[in-house]
Amino acid sequence: MRYCVRHSSTESEKRQQNNLFGKSYKDIVQIIDSMGVSSFRSKQLYEWMYTKGTTMFQDMGNIPKDLKQRLEEKYVIDYGRVLDNQLSEDETRKMLIQFDNDPRASVETVFIPTTYRGTLCVSSQVGCSLSCTFCHTGTQKLYRNLTPAEIAGQYMVAAWIAGDYPQKENQVRKVSNIVFMGQGEPLYNFRNVSAAIELLTDPKGIGLAPWRITISTSGVAPLIPRIASELRVGLAVSLHSADNDLRSEIMPINKTYPLPMLMQSCAEFVKLASPKNRRITFEYVMLDGVNDSDLDAKRLARLIKGLPAHVNLIPFNPWPGSAYKSSSPERVEEFCKTVEGLGIYASVRQPRGDDILAACGQLKSDYDNNSVEPHATA
């Protein structure tokens, strides 16, 4: 079946209207004030959109009929269009979401449920400019940044599909955590990512705790301390090598922000972060014969020693045209034991969603290359 969020307007009408979703509480107050309406309507409208997840003005019970009509003339509440919605045998769900009815403006969002939490991996850009050699998204040129509405909209789509909306009394969120580990470099879209996080964590609205959100960066060193001081969320670093030359080879961003600069920024983050967000996750994709030797493991432990850190070892998920192979399970385990033996907490990420093209960028490339009709499995 095909899943789509309900809207009160057709696609052609939406292009003539502004999206009210993505507006902050301050923005909503200004809009209501400009319409000459009592200010308490701002709080009601904001709650309908963000606390209750309502997408149609006519469903907002305590909003006067004339105000509903005026809002419908000027605005829509639009999360984005779900082009593809695939459910894996292991319950991982991958969605392809399109914005502005633009065929090029689509991104992947992945929901990974586990026993204790449900983590949503969101994108921050359409495409990516970093060209990491092992990453499938790196083969997709950067098209544009996502807006705050488009970033937060990924959460709302996933929350609706998971059953978090409409909200029920004493309900436990199924989508409980968010990681900015999808397409794009979040810190190259800092302003919009910041605004989206403000929406997601506003206690008057969606109300996620900041410590339940993590930003993953490839190493934009100057902005890393601001993740702690301004955004108050967690940090993950896509490290993938503790050797400066090798990291520059597989991650060109390292030529701009080399390892010494990156590690200094991580130390600054730790000083500024709250106790719940202080530990840094270092992501390390395991590439056979490239970065998986015992020497690599020792370099890694030496590099991050002294920081509150967790190493997340990621078996490489092959994609068509890739020059790499994944390290063997035995090599990954030995690497993990070496790192832990040197006093660093490490774990191996279990592959998820292998049957639904869950590696970052695969579903979008498959959709773009085949120009298939929107569909979903549930």
Protein backbone atom coordinates (compact mmCIF):
# COMPACT_ATOMS: atom_id res chain seq x y z
CA MET A 1 0.00 0.00 0.00
CA ARG A 2 1.08 3.57 -0.52
CA TYR A 3 1.45 5.80 2.52
CA CYS A 4 0.92 9.54 2.21
CA VAL A 5 0.33 12.23 4.85
CA ARG A 6 -3.09 13.83 4.48
CA HIS A 7 -3.30 17.43 3.32
CA SER A 8 -6.19 19.80 2.78
CA SER A 9 -4.86 21.08 -0.57
CA THR A 10 -3.96 19.65 -3.94
CA GLU A 11 -0.36 19.70 -5.17
CA SER A 12 -1.10 22.65 -7.49
CA GLU A 13 -2.73 24.60 -4.66
CA LYS A 14 0.21 23.91 -2.34
CA ARG A 15 2.58 25.63 -4.74
CA GLN A 16 0.56 28.82 -4.27
CA GLN A 17 0.58 28.57 -0.48
CA ASN A 18 3.20 28.78 2.24
CA ASN A 19 4.06 25.84 4.44
CA LEU A 20 3.09 26.59 8.04
CA PHE A 21 4.93 23.51 9.27
CA GLY A 22 8.48 24.35 10.25
CA LYS A 23 7.53 27.70 11.74
CA SER A 24 8.71 28.32 15.30
CA TYR A 25 6.39 29.34 18.09
CA LYS A 26 7.62 32.92 17.69
CA ASP A 27 6.78 32.76 13.97
CA ILE A 28 3.27 31.47 14.72
CA VAL A 29 2.69 34.29 17.22
CA GLN A 30 3.67 36.84 14.57
CA ILE A 31 1.42 35.24 11.94
CA ILE A 32 -1.60 35.17 14.24
CA ASP A 33 -0.91 38.74 15.36
CA SER A 34 -0.73 39.91 11.73
CA MET A 35 -4.17 38.39 11.15
CA GLY A 36 -5.63 40.47 13.98
CA VAL A 37 -6.57 37.39 16.01
CA SER A 38 -6.33 36.94 19.79
CA SER A 39 -2.83 35.86 20.76
CA PHE A 40 -3.96 32.73 22.64
CA ARG A 41 -4.85 31.19 19.26
CA SER A 42 -1.09 30.97 18.60
CA LYS A 43 -0.63 28.42 21.36
CA GLN A 44 -3.64 26.42 20.16
CA LEU A 45 -2.43 26.35 16.56
CA TYR A 46 1.12 25.43 17.59
CA GLU A 47 -0.14 22.55 19.73
CA TRP A 48 -2.36 21.22 16.94
CA MET A 49 0.59 21.14 14.54
CA TYR A 50 3.40 19.87 16.75
CA THR A 51 1.90 18.19 19.81
CA LYS A 52 -1.08 16.58 18.10
CA GLY A 53 0.41 16.24 14.62
CA THR A 54 -2.62 17.60 12.79
CA THR A 55 -2.13 18.36 9.10
CA MET A 56 -5.60 19.72 8.24
CA PHE A 57 -6.93 22.98 9.62
CA GLN A 58 -10.51 21.68 9.52
CA ASP A 59 -9.57 19.05 12.15
CA MET A 60 -8.47 21.69 14.69
CA GLY A 61 -11.44 21.54 17.01
CA ASN A 62 -10.98 24.70 19.09
CA ILE A 63 -9.93 26.98 16.21
CA PRO A 64 -12.80 29.21 14.99
CA LYS A 65 -14.22 28.37 11.57
CA ASP A 66 -13.36 31.75 10.04
CA LEU A 67 -9.73 31.47 11.19
CA LYS A 68 -9.51 27.97 9.74
CA GLN A 69 -10.71 29.31 6.40
CA ARG A 70 -8.23 32.19 6.45
CA LEU A 71 -5.38 29.81 7.29
CA GLU A 72 -6.40 27.41 4.50
CA GLU A 73 -6.30 30.26 1.99
CA LYS A 74 -2.67 31.11 2.79
CA TYR A 75 -1.05 28.00 4.26
CA VAL A 76 -0.67 24.25 4.19
CA ILE A 77 0.86 21.87 6.73
CA ASP A 78 3.17 19.74 4.65
CA TYR A 79 5.74 17.19 5.88
CA GLY A 80 6.72 16.01 2.41
CA ARG A 81 5.52 13.29 0.06
CA VAL A 82 6.44 9.66 0.75
CA LEU A 83 7.61 8.19 -2.54
CA ASP A 84 8.74 4.86 -1.15
CA ASN A 85 8.18 3.13 2.18
CA GLN A 86 9.87 -0.23 2.66
CA LEU A 87 9.77 -2.51 5.69
CA SER A 88 12.59 -4.99 6.27
CA GLU A 89 12.23 -8.45 7.75
CA ASP A 90 14.07 -7.12 10.83
CA GLU A 91 11.49 -4.26 11.19
CA THR A 92 13.86 -1.59 9.87
CA ARG A 93 11.83 0.85 7.78
CA LYS A 94 13.28 2.98 4.99
CA MET A 95 11.39 5.88 3.48
CA LEU A 96 12.12 8.08 0.47
CA ILE A 97 10.55 11.50 1.00
CA GLN A 98 10.16 14.19 -1.66
CA PHE A 99 9.82 17.91 -1.01
CA ASP A 100 8.30 20.78 -3.02
CA ASN A 101 7.03 18.29 -5.61
CA ASP A 102 10.58 18.46 -7.01
CA PRO A 103 11.77 15.12 -8.48
CA ARG A 104 15.37 15.97 -7.52
CA ALA A 105 14.55 16.98 -3.93
CA SER A 106 14.13 13.58 -2.30
CA VAL A 107 15.97 12.14 0.70
CA GLU A 108 16.14 8.91 2.64
CA THR A 109 14.98 8.47 6.21
CA VAL A 110 15.49 5.21 8.11
CA PHE A 111 13.72 4.02 11.27
CA ILE A 112 15.55 1.36 13.30
CA PRO A 113 13.55 -0.07 16.21
CA THR A 114 15.24 -2.02 19.00
CA THR A 115 14.08 -3.34 22.37
CA TYR A 116 14.84 -0.18 24.30
CA ARG A 117 14.54 2.61 21.74
CA GLY A 118 13.43 3.52 18.25
CA THR A 119 16.07 5.50 16.37
CA LEU A 120 15.30 7.63 13.32
CA CYS A 121 18.17 8.43 10.96
CA VAL A 122 17.41 11.73 9.19
CA SER A 123 19.03 13.56 6.28
CA SER A 124 20.15 17.19 6.35
CA GLN A 125 20.95 17.80 2.68
CA VAL A 126 19.85 16.51 -0.72
CA GLY A 127 23.00 14.79 -1.87
CA CYS A 128 26.42 15.50 -0.38
CA SER A 129 29.54 17.49 -1.23
CA LEU A 130 32.11 15.48 0.74
CA SER A 131 32.87 12.59 -1.67
CA CYS A 132 33.95 10.07 0.97
CA THR A 133 35.15 7.17 -1.14
CA PHE A 134 33.31 4.42 0.77
CA CYS A 135 29.95 6.22 1.04
CA HIS A 136 27.23 5.70 -1.55
CA THR A 137 25.76 9.16 -0.89
CA GLY A 138 29.14 10.57 -1.92
CA THR A 139 28.30 9.55 -5.50
CA GLN A 140 25.26 11.87 -5.42
CA LYS A 141 26.12 15.51 -6.03
CA LEU A 142 24.89 18.08 -3.54
CA TYR A 143 21.61 19.55 -4.80
CA ARG A 144 20.58 21.78 -1.89
CA ASN A 145 20.23 22.11 1.86
CA LEU A 146 17.06 20.92 3.54
CA THR A 147 14.91 23.50 5.33
CA PRO A 148 13.92 23.20 9.01
CA ALA A 149 10.46 22.03 7.87
CA GLU A 150 11.95 19.32 5.67
CA ILE A 151 14.24 18.06 8.43
CA ALA A 152 11.54 18.02 11.12
CA GLY A 153 9.07 16.70 8.56
CA GLN A 154 11.06 13.46 8.32
CA TYR A 155 10.40 12.92 12.01
CA MET A 156 6.68 13.64 11.66
CA VAL A 157 6.30 11.21 8.74
CA ALA A 158 8.08 8.46 10.67
CA ALA A 159 6.15 9.19 13.87
CA TRP A 160 2.82 8.94 12.05
CA ILE A 161 3.80 5.67 10.38
CA ALA A 162 5.07 4.24 13.69
CA GLY A 163 1.82 5.12 15.46
CA ASP A 164 3.07 7.96 17.68
CA TYR A 165 0.32 10.13 16.17
CA PRO A 166 -2.44 10.70 16.97
CA GLN A 167 -1.11 10.83 20.52
CA LYS A 168 -2.69 8.81 23.29
CA GLU A 169 -2.58 9.33 27.05
CA ASN A 170 0.59 7.96 28.72
CA GLN A 171 1.90 6.91 25.32
CA VAL A 172 5.56 5.85 25.03
CA ARG A 173 7.17 7.16 21.85
CA LYS A 174 8.15 4.53 19.34
CA VAL A 175 10.35 7.06 17.54
CA SER A 176 12.33 8.04 20.63
CA ASN A 177 15.74 9.06 19.26
CA ILE A 178 17.05 10.96 16.25
CA VAL A 179 20.47 10.77 14.63
CA PHE A 180 21.64 13.10 11.87
CA MET A 181 23.42 10.30 10.02
CA GLY A 182 21.52 10.31 6.75
CA GLN A 183 22.39 12.12 3.53
CA GLY A 184 24.51 15.25 3.76
CA GLU A 185 26.84 16.90 6.27
CA PRO A 186 24.69 18.45 9.04
CA LEU A 187 27.28 21.06 9.99
CA TYR A 188 27.33 22.38 6.41
CA ASN A 189 23.64 23.19 6.98
CA PHE A 190 24.12 24.42 10.53
CA ARG A 191 21.46 27.16 10.57
CA ASN A 192 18.62 24.97 9.32
CA VAL A 193 19.68 21.96 11.40
CA SER A 194 19.73 24.24 14.46
CA ALA A 195 16.23 25.52 13.71
CA ALA A 196 14.95 21.96 13.18
CA ILE A 197 16.42 20.82 16.51
CA GLU A 198 14.74 23.79 18.21
CA LEU A 199 11.42 22.57 16.80
CA LEU A 200 12.04 18.96 17.75
CA THR A 201 13.02 19.78 21.33
CA ASP A 202 10.53 22.57 22.09
CA PRO A 203 8.57 21.41 25.18
CA LYS A 204 5.53 23.33 23.92
CA GLY A 205 5.52 21.15 20.79
CA ILE A 206 7.21 17.88 19.84
CA GLY A 207 9.22 17.90 23.05
CA LEU A 208 12.07 15.45 22.43
CA ALA A 209 14.83 15.66 25.03
CA PRO A 210 18.06 17.12 23.56
CA TRP A 211 20.06 14.14 24.81
CA ARG A 212 17.97 11.91 22.55
CA ILE A 213 19.34 13.68 19.45
CA THR A 214 22.81 13.12 17.98
CA ILE A 215 24.57 14.97 15.18
CA SER A 216 27.05 12.94 13.16
CA THR A 217 29.73 14.96 11.38
CA SER A 218 32.52 13.98 9.03
CA GLY A 219 34.71 16.45 10.89
CA VAL A 220 33.76 20.12 10.38
CA ALA A 221 36.02 20.98 13.29
CA PRO A 222 35.22 24.69 13.87
CA LEU A 223 31.51 23.99 14.44
CA ILE A 224 31.82 20.94 16.69
CA PRO A 225 31.98 22.90 20.00
CA ARG A 226 28.73 24.68 19.05
CA ILE A 227 26.92 21.33 19.03
CA ALA A 228 27.42 21.35 22.80
CA SER A 229 27.18 25.07 23.59
CA GLU A 230 24.22 25.98 21.36
CA LEU A 231 22.37 22.83 20.33
CA ARG A 232 22.93 20.81 23.54
CA VAL A 233 22.72 17.50 21.65
CA GLY A 234 25.06 14.53 21.29
CA LEU A 235 28.04 14.17 18.96
CA ALA A 236 29.14 11.36 16.68
CA VAL A 237 32.26 11.67 14.53
CA SER A 238 32.67 9.73 11.28
CA LEU A 239 36.33 8.91 11.87
CA HIS A 240 37.10 5.75 9.85
CA SER A 241 40.87 6.09 10.22
CA ALA A 242 43.28 7.30 12.90
CA ASP A 243 46.03 7.78 10.30
CA ASN A 244 46.01 11.34 8.95
CA ASP A 245 47.22 10.41 5.44
CA LEU A 246 44.80 7.50 5.03
CA ARG A 247 41.90 9.55 6.35
CA SER A 248 42.67 12.27 3.80
CA GLU A 249 42.63 9.61 1.09
CA ILE A 250 39.23 8.14 1.96
CA MET A 251 37.68 11.33 3.42
CA PRO A 252 38.82 14.47 1.53
CA ILE A 253 37.43 16.73 4.28
CA ASN A 254 40.46 15.69 6.35
CA LYS A 255 42.65 17.82 4.08
CA THR A 256 40.74 20.88 5.34
CA TYR A 257 40.31 19.78 8.94
CA PRO A 258 43.10 17.29 9.72
CA LEU A 259 43.00 14.94 12.67
CA PRO A 260 44.85 17.17 15.18
CA MET A 261 42.35 19.98 14.58
CA LEU A 262 39.41 17.56 14.73
CA MET A 263 40.53 16.04 18.02
CA GLN A 264 41.05 19.46 19.58
CA SER A 265 37.45 20.35 18.66
CA CYS A 266 36.26 17.09 20.21
CA ALA A 267 38.06 17.99 23.44
CA GLU A 268 36.33 21.39 23.42
CA PHE A 269 32.98 19.67 22.90
CA VAL A 270 33.55 17.50 25.98
CA LYS A 271 34.30 20.58 28.10
CA LEU A 272 31.09 22.30 27.01
CA ALA A 273 28.68 19.35 26.89
CA SER A 274 26.18 18.37 29.57
CA PRO A 275 26.84 15.12 31.48
CA LYS A 276 24.21 13.26 29.41
CA ASN A 277 25.82 14.27 26.10
CA ARG A 278 29.51 14.25 26.95
CA ARG A 279 30.44 10.86 25.52
CA ILE A 280 31.40 10.99 21.84
CA THR A 281 30.65 8.13 19.46
CA PHE A 282 33.41 7.54 16.93
CA GLU A 283 32.09 5.73 13.87
CA TYR A 284 34.53 3.46 12.07
CA VAL A 285 33.58 1.58 8.90
CA MET A 286 35.55 -1.65 8.53
CA LEU A 287 37.18 -1.84 5.08
CA ASP A 288 39.01 -5.03 4.22
CA GLY A 289 42.76 -4.46 3.91
CA VAL A 290 42.38 -0.68 4.19
CA ASN A 291 41.85 0.36 7.82
CA ASP A 292 41.32 -2.89 9.70
CA SER A 293 44.79 -4.03 10.83
CA ASP A 294 45.95 -4.43 14.43
CA LEU A 295 48.10 -1.34 13.93
CA ASP A 296 44.99 0.61 12.85
CA ALA A 297 43.22 -0.52 16.02
CA LYS A 298 46.12 0.61 18.19
CA ARG A 299 46.29 3.98 16.41
CA LEU A 300 42.57 4.45 16.98
CA ALA A 301 42.79 3.71 20.71
CA ARG A 302 45.78 6.02 21.07
CA LEU A 303 44.06 8.86 19.19
CA ILE A 304 40.91 9.01 21.34
CA LYS A 305 42.40 7.96 24.68
CA GLY A 306 41.49 10.47 27.37
CA LEU A 307 38.11 11.34 25.83
CA PRO A 308 34.81 9.87 27.04
CA ALA A 309 34.34 7.78 23.93
CA HIS A 310 32.55 4.86 22.35
CA VAL A 311 33.83 3.29 19.13
CA ASN A 312 31.09 1.98 16.86
CA LEU A 313 32.57 -0.46 14.36
CA ILE A 314 30.49 -0.69 11.19
CA PRO A 315 30.85 -3.63 8.77
CA PHE A 316 30.94 -2.08 5.30
CA ASN A 317 27.68 -2.47 3.38
CA PRO A 318 28.74 -3.01 -0.28
CA TRP A 319 27.00 -1.04 -3.02
CA PRO A 320 27.22 -1.30 -6.83
CA GLY A 321 30.46 0.23 -8.11
CA SER A 322 32.18 0.34 -4.74
CA ALA A 323 35.91 -0.42 -4.67
CA TYR A 324 35.77 -1.82 -1.13
CA LYS A 325 34.87 -5.04 0.62
CA SER A 326 33.83 -5.46 4.21
CA SER A 327 36.30 -6.86 6.69
CA SER A 328 35.50 -10.44 7.68
CA PRO A 329 33.43 -10.95 10.84
CA GLU A 330 36.48 -12.51 12.49
CA ARG A 331 38.66 -9.49 11.65
CA VAL A 332 36.00 -7.10 12.95
CA GLU A 333 35.78 -8.99 16.24
CA GLU A 334 39.56 -9.10 16.63
CA PHE A 335 39.78 -5.37 15.89
CA CYS A 336 37.09 -4.73 18.51
CA LYS A 337 38.93 -6.81 21.11
CA THR A 338 42.18 -4.95 20.44
CA VAL A 339 40.52 -1.56 20.93
CA GLU A 340 38.75 -2.68 24.10
CA GLY A 341 41.97 -4.23 25.40
CA LEU A 342 43.50 -0.76 25.25
CA GLY A 343 40.80 0.70 27.49
CA ILE A 344 38.33 2.04 24.91
CA TYR A 345 34.69 0.94 24.93
CA ALA A 346 33.84 -0.51 21.51
CA SER A 347 30.98 -2.40 19.90
CA VAL A 348 30.07 -3.77 16.49
CA ARG A 349 26.98 -2.41 14.79
CA GLN A 350 24.72 -5.19 13.65
CA PRO A 351 23.65 -4.87 10.00
CA ARG A 352 20.03 -3.80 9.59
CA GLY A 353 17.74 -3.62 6.59
CA ASP A 354 19.97 -5.52 4.17
CA ASP A 355 16.90 -6.61 2.18
CA ILE A 356 15.65 -3.04 1.58
CA LEU A 357 18.74 -1.18 0.33
CA ALA A 358 19.29 0.37 3.76
CA ALA A 359 22.86 1.57 3.16
CA CYS A 360 22.83 5.35 2.96
CA GLY A 361 21.96 6.56 -0.54
CA GLN A 362 21.05 3.20 -2.07
CA LEU A 363 17.27 3.60 -2.13
CA LYS A 364 17.45 7.10 -3.61
CA SER A 365 19.86 5.97 -6.34
CA ASP A 366 17.69 2.95 -7.12
CA TYR A 367 14.59 5.15 -7.32
CA ASP A 368 16.26 7.84 -9.46
CA ASN A 369 17.84 5.32 -11.83
CA ASN A 370 14.71 3.27 -12.38
CA SER A 371 12.13 6.09 -12.22
CA VAL A 372 9.67 3.72 -10.56
CA GLU A 373 6.19 4.67 -9.47
CA PRO A 374 5.74 5.60 -5.77
CA HIS A 375 4.99 2.51 -3.71
CA ALA A 376 5.31 1.14 -0.23
CA THR A 377 5.38 -2.09 1.69
CA ALA A 378 3.93 -2.35 5.15
